[in-house]
Amino acid sequence: MKVKRKIIHIDEELCDGCGNCVPSCAEGSLQIVDGKAKVIADNLCDGLGACLGECPQGALQIVEREADEFDEEAVEVHLAKMAEEEADQVPAQAHGHGPAEIPCGCPSTQMKTFQPIHGNAPRATGGASALTHWPIQVHLVPPTAPFLKGADLLIAADCTPFAYPDFHEVLLKDRVLMVGCPKLDDAQAYIDKFTAIFSQAGVRSITTVMMEVPCCSGLSVIIRRALENAKANIPLEEVIISTRGSLLEDRKSS
């Protein structure tokens, strides 16, 4: 049934098809079609506008018009179908058929939640994965991602899992992970992303994990600036890892 409601509108003259908006849509309603971003079905778009800030051309806006009602059940069916299509692409590549076409953007942007591995870890690792979702890169996780709701959030500099051998068991267990590099990535983009997350997601706690090297301390500045911008009072814990893989410091604040 059509109702008058808010929904995303895309100005095709401004859109250059970069695809930055696609991973920010938790419902999968945005796809790149013929070189332009499209809302593939009105009932898949909730009209909240999580994608707006991801467009470098300013091609996206919220308008109010007649549209099909937002349908959460249709979204679930759509996301499940996308996951199946992604799974089908892997065997094709493994058998030398070449890369399959990906109509909705890179598969690494498709959100998944799953149970951590207990007891059946690969023999090569000797441990178990505590990861519960995908994606994990800061740039790829939209503020509306369902796994962020009420999360105990672990924000890790991307060198830390390599340096600290007990990362999964000690730090990641029962937490939602986001990773990035405070030195090489865009610090302001990180501040904006975390400001949105801390404003919208109802995050319960934050733990940052940084290396002892000076350039990694920028992560602390980013998170504290985002908390200030969001006017959010969320308990914050900062963990420092040495370059030799030991836990050096664990600071808690609120």
Protein backbone atom coordinates (compact mmCIF):
# COMPACT_ATOMS: atom_id res chain seq x y z
CA MET A 1 0.00 0.00 0.00
CA LYS A 2 1.31 3.43 -0.91
CA VAL A 3 1.54 6.13 1.73
CA LYS A 4 3.06 9.59 1.84
CA ARG A 5 6.35 9.20 3.69
CA LYS A 6 10.03 10.12 3.68
CA ILE A 7 12.26 8.20 1.29
CA ILE A 8 15.66 8.58 -0.39
CA HIS A 9 15.84 10.44 -3.70
CA ILE A 10 18.93 10.27 -5.95
CA ASP A 11 19.78 13.07 -8.36
CA GLU A 12 21.13 11.16 -11.36
CA GLU A 13 22.80 14.26 -12.78
CA LEU A 14 24.96 14.55 -9.65
CA CYS A 15 25.50 10.82 -9.05
CA ASP A 16 28.78 9.52 -10.52
CA GLY A 17 28.21 5.87 -9.54
CA CYS A 18 31.05 5.74 -7.01
CA GLY A 19 29.08 3.30 -4.81
CA ASN A 20 30.03 4.88 -1.48
CA CYS A 21 26.37 4.94 -0.46
CA VAL A 22 25.78 1.20 -1.03
CA PRO A 23 27.44 -0.24 2.14
CA SER A 24 25.84 2.42 4.35
CA CYS A 25 22.36 1.07 3.56
CA ALA A 26 21.68 -1.65 6.13
CA GLU A 27 18.58 -2.76 4.18
CA GLY A 28 20.42 -3.28 0.88
CA SER A 29 17.99 -1.01 -0.94
CA LEU A 30 20.75 0.86 -2.81
CA GLN A 31 22.52 -0.65 -5.80
CA ILE A 32 24.60 0.65 -8.68
CA VAL A 33 22.59 0.13 -11.87
CA ASP A 34 23.90 1.32 -15.26
CA GLY A 35 26.51 3.44 -13.50
CA LYS A 36 24.10 5.23 -11.17
CA ALA A 37 22.89 4.61 -7.61
CA LYS A 38 19.28 3.43 -7.48
CA VAL A 39 16.70 2.64 -4.80
CA ILE A 40 15.79 -0.77 -6.16
CA ALA A 41 12.43 -0.96 -4.33
CA ASP A 42 10.60 1.65 -2.26
CA ASN A 43 9.55 -0.89 0.37
CA LEU A 44 13.21 -1.65 1.13
CA CYS A 45 14.11 1.97 1.96
CA ASP A 46 13.34 3.15 5.51
CA GLY A 47 13.96 6.79 4.62
CA LEU A 48 16.18 7.46 7.65
CA GLY A 49 19.06 8.70 5.50
CA ALA A 50 22.07 6.80 6.84
CA CYS A 51 23.47 6.95 3.30
CA LEU A 52 23.36 10.75 2.93
CA GLY A 53 26.75 11.57 4.42
CA GLU A 54 28.53 8.94 2.30
CA CYS A 55 27.88 10.66 -1.06
CA PRO A 56 30.78 12.95 -2.12
CA GLN A 57 28.61 14.55 -4.81
CA GLY A 58 25.62 15.41 -2.61
CA ALA A 59 23.35 13.42 -4.93
CA LEU A 60 21.23 11.88 -2.17
CA GLN A 61 18.48 13.60 -0.23
CA ILE A 62 15.39 12.73 1.77
CA VAL A 63 12.11 13.68 0.12
CA GLU A 64 8.49 13.15 1.09
CA ARG A 65 6.36 11.47 -1.57
CA GLU A 66 3.89 8.68 -2.24
CA ALA A 67 5.71 5.37 -1.87
CA ASP A 68 5.17 1.78 -0.79
CA GLU A 69 5.35 1.35 2.97
CA PHE A 70 8.67 0.22 4.42
CA ASP A 71 8.51 -3.57 4.85
CA GLU A 72 10.91 -5.15 7.37
CA GLU A 73 9.98 -8.68 6.30
CA ALA A 74 10.76 -7.83 2.67
CA VAL A 75 14.12 -6.47 3.81
CA GLU A 76 14.94 -9.74 5.57
CA VAL A 77 14.06 -11.74 2.46
CA HIS A 78 16.10 -9.38 0.28
CA LEU A 79 19.19 -9.55 2.53
CA ALA A 80 18.96 -13.35 2.66
CA LYS A 81 18.82 -13.48 -1.13
CA MET A 82 21.85 -11.19 -1.39
CA ALA A 83 23.77 -13.47 0.99
CA GLU A 84 22.88 -16.51 -1.13
CA GLU A 85 24.02 -14.79 -4.30
CA GLU A 86 27.30 -13.86 -2.65
CA ALA A 87 27.83 -17.45 -1.51
CA ASP A 88 27.19 -18.69 -5.06
CA GLN A 89 29.91 -16.39 -6.41
CA VAL A 90 32.67 -18.03 -4.35
CA PRO A 91 32.56 -21.52 -5.97
CA ALA A 92 32.50 -19.96 -9.44
CA GLN A 93 35.72 -18.10 -8.75
CA ALA A 94 37.34 -21.10 -7.05
CA HIS A 95 36.80 -23.23 -10.18
CA GLY A 96 38.46 -20.72 -12.46
CA HIS A 97 35.32 -19.23 -13.97
CA GLY A 98 36.54 -15.72 -13.22
CA PRO A 99 34.94 -13.04 -11.06
CA ALA A 100 31.17 -13.06 -11.08
CA GLU A 101 29.23 -9.86 -11.61
CA ILE A 102 28.26 -8.23 -8.33
CA PRO A 103 25.13 -6.14 -8.95
CA CYS A 104 25.05 -4.54 -5.50
CA GLY A 105 28.71 -3.65 -4.91
CA CYS A 106 31.65 -5.45 -3.34
CA PRO A 107 30.68 -8.59 -1.37
CA SER A 108 32.84 -7.40 1.53
CA THR A 109 30.25 -4.70 2.23
CA GLN A 110 27.37 -7.15 2.71
CA MET A 111 26.45 -7.35 6.39
CA LYS A 112 26.29 -10.68 8.17
CA THR A 113 25.90 -11.78 11.75
CA PHE A 114 26.88 -15.22 12.98
CA GLN A 115 27.81 -17.21 16.05
CA PRO A 116 31.45 -17.23 17.23
CA ILE A 117 33.32 -20.49 16.72
CA HIS A 118 33.61 -22.68 19.83
CA GLY A 119 35.56 -25.92 19.93
CA ASN A 120 35.90 -26.46 16.17
CA ALA A 121 38.65 -24.00 15.37
CA PRO A 122 41.08 -24.82 12.54
CA ARG A 123 44.01 -26.88 13.80
CA ALA A 124 46.47 -24.37 12.36
CA THR A 125 45.36 -21.64 14.75
CA GLY A 126 44.92 -23.63 17.95
CA GLY A 127 42.21 -21.17 19.01
CA ALA A 128 38.66 -20.09 18.29
CA SER A 129 37.26 -17.08 16.48
CA ALA A 130 35.16 -14.73 18.61
CA LEU A 131 34.06 -12.69 15.58
CA THR A 132 30.27 -12.35 15.34
CA HIS A 133 29.66 -10.16 12.28
CA TRP A 134 30.86 -8.76 8.97
CA PRO A 135 32.11 -6.29 7.77
CA ILE A 136 34.60 -5.02 10.36
CA GLN A 137 36.43 -2.17 8.61
CA VAL A 138 35.38 1.24 9.99
CA HIS A 139 34.72 2.61 6.50
CA LEU A 140 32.39 -0.28 5.62
CA VAL A 141 30.23 -0.40 8.77
CA PRO A 142 27.20 1.93 8.55
CA PRO A 143 25.93 3.60 11.76
CA THR A 144 22.65 1.72 11.26
CA ALA A 145 24.26 -1.74 11.27
CA PRO A 146 22.06 -3.98 13.45
CA PHE A 147 25.01 -5.50 15.29
CA LEU A 148 25.92 -2.05 16.66
CA LYS A 149 22.66 -1.70 18.60
CA GLY A 150 23.45 -1.76 22.31
CA ALA A 151 26.90 -3.20 21.56
CA ASP A 152 30.00 -3.48 23.69
CA LEU A 153 32.19 -2.05 20.95
CA LEU A 154 35.84 -2.99 20.37
CA ILE A 155 37.63 -0.46 18.15
CA ALA A 156 41.03 -1.85 17.19
CA ALA A 157 43.95 -0.36 15.33
CA ASP A 158 44.46 -2.87 12.55
CA CYS A 159 47.97 -3.93 13.62
CA THR A 160 46.82 -5.10 17.04
CA PRO A 161 45.32 -8.50 16.11
CA PHE A 162 48.66 -9.44 14.51
CA ALA A 163 50.74 -8.36 17.49
CA TYR A 164 48.59 -9.66 20.36
CA PRO A 165 48.23 -13.46 20.26
CA ASP A 166 45.24 -13.58 22.64
CA PHE A 167 43.23 -10.96 20.74
CA HIS A 168 40.14 -13.15 20.24
CA GLU A 169 40.01 -14.74 23.67
CA VAL A 170 40.92 -11.72 25.82
CA LEU A 171 39.73 -8.68 23.84
CA LEU A 172 37.19 -9.66 21.18
CA LYS A 173 35.08 -12.16 23.13
CA ASP A 174 31.51 -10.82 23.63
CA ARG A 175 32.35 -7.58 21.81
CA VAL A 176 31.49 -6.12 18.40
CA LEU A 177 34.62 -5.33 16.37
CA MET A 178 35.57 -2.39 14.15
CA VAL A 179 39.12 -2.03 12.82
CA GLY A 180 41.07 0.71 11.05
CA CYS A 181 44.35 2.62 10.92
CA PRO A 182 44.40 6.03 12.65
CA LYS A 183 47.63 6.96 10.81
CA LEU A 184 46.89 5.98 7.20
CA ASP A 185 43.11 6.48 7.04
CA ASP A 186 41.09 9.72 7.03
CA ALA A 187 40.85 10.81 10.66
CA GLN A 188 37.99 13.25 10.05
CA ALA A 189 35.98 10.58 8.26
CA TYR A 190 36.50 8.35 11.29
CA ILE A 191 35.37 11.11 13.64
CA ASP A 192 32.23 11.65 11.57
CA LYS A 193 31.48 7.90 11.39
CA PHE A 194 31.90 7.33 15.13
CA THR A 195 29.95 10.50 15.96
CA ALA A 196 27.02 9.04 14.03
CA ILE A 197 27.42 5.63 15.69
CA PHE A 198 27.62 7.07 19.20
CA SER A 199 24.57 9.26 18.48
CA GLN A 200 22.35 6.57 16.94
CA ALA A 201 23.33 3.06 17.98
CA GLY A 202 22.96 3.10 21.76
CA VAL A 203 26.48 1.67 22.21
CA ARG A 204 26.86 0.34 25.76
CA SER A 205 30.64 0.49 26.14
CA ILE A 206 33.75 1.24 24.08
CA THR A 207 37.14 -0.45 24.24
CA THR A 208 39.94 0.85 22.02
CA VAL A 209 43.04 -1.25 21.30
CA MET A 210 46.16 0.55 20.12
CA MET A 211 49.81 -0.26 19.57
CA GLU A 212 52.44 1.48 21.72
CA VAL A 213 53.80 3.37 18.69
CA PRO A 214 53.05 7.15 18.69
CA CYS A 215 51.04 7.22 15.46
CA CYS A 216 48.51 4.80 16.94
CA SER A 217 47.55 7.23 19.71
CA GLY A 218 45.46 9.09 17.15
CA LEU A 219 42.74 6.50 17.69
CA SER A 220 42.21 7.78 21.22
CA VAL A 221 41.88 11.34 19.93
CA ILE A 222 39.38 10.24 17.24
CA ILE A 223 37.13 8.38 19.68
CA ARG A 224 37.19 11.11 22.32
CA ARG A 225 36.40 13.77 19.71
CA ALA A 226 33.48 11.68 18.41
CA LEU A 227 32.14 11.18 21.94
CA GLU A 228 32.32 14.93 22.47
CA ASN A 229 30.57 15.66 19.17
CA ALA A 230 27.84 13.13 19.93
CA LYS A 231 27.47 14.43 23.50
CA ALA A 232 27.55 10.78 24.54
CA ASN A 233 28.53 9.53 27.98
CA ILE A 234 29.72 6.01 27.15
CA PRO A 235 32.24 4.13 29.35
CA LEU A 236 35.61 4.05 27.59
CA GLU A 237 38.50 1.64 28.10
CA GLU A 238 41.86 2.02 26.33
CA VAL A 239 44.20 -0.95 25.88
CA ILE A 240 47.83 -0.56 24.74
CA ILE A 241 49.73 -3.43 23.07
CA SER A 242 53.53 -3.57 22.74
CA THR A 243 55.24 -4.28 19.43
CA ARG A 244 56.35 -7.57 21.00
CA GLY A 245 52.75 -8.59 21.59
CA SER A 246 52.23 -8.01 25.31
CA LEU A 247 49.45 -6.04 26.99
CA LEU A 248 51.16 -2.91 28.38
CA GLU A 249 48.35 -0.79 29.76
CA ASP A 250 44.61 -0.87 30.38
CA ARG A 251 43.07 2.52 31.13
CA LYS A 252 39.40 2.96 32.02
CA SER A 253 37.43 6.19 32.05
CA SER A 254 33.78 7.21 31.86
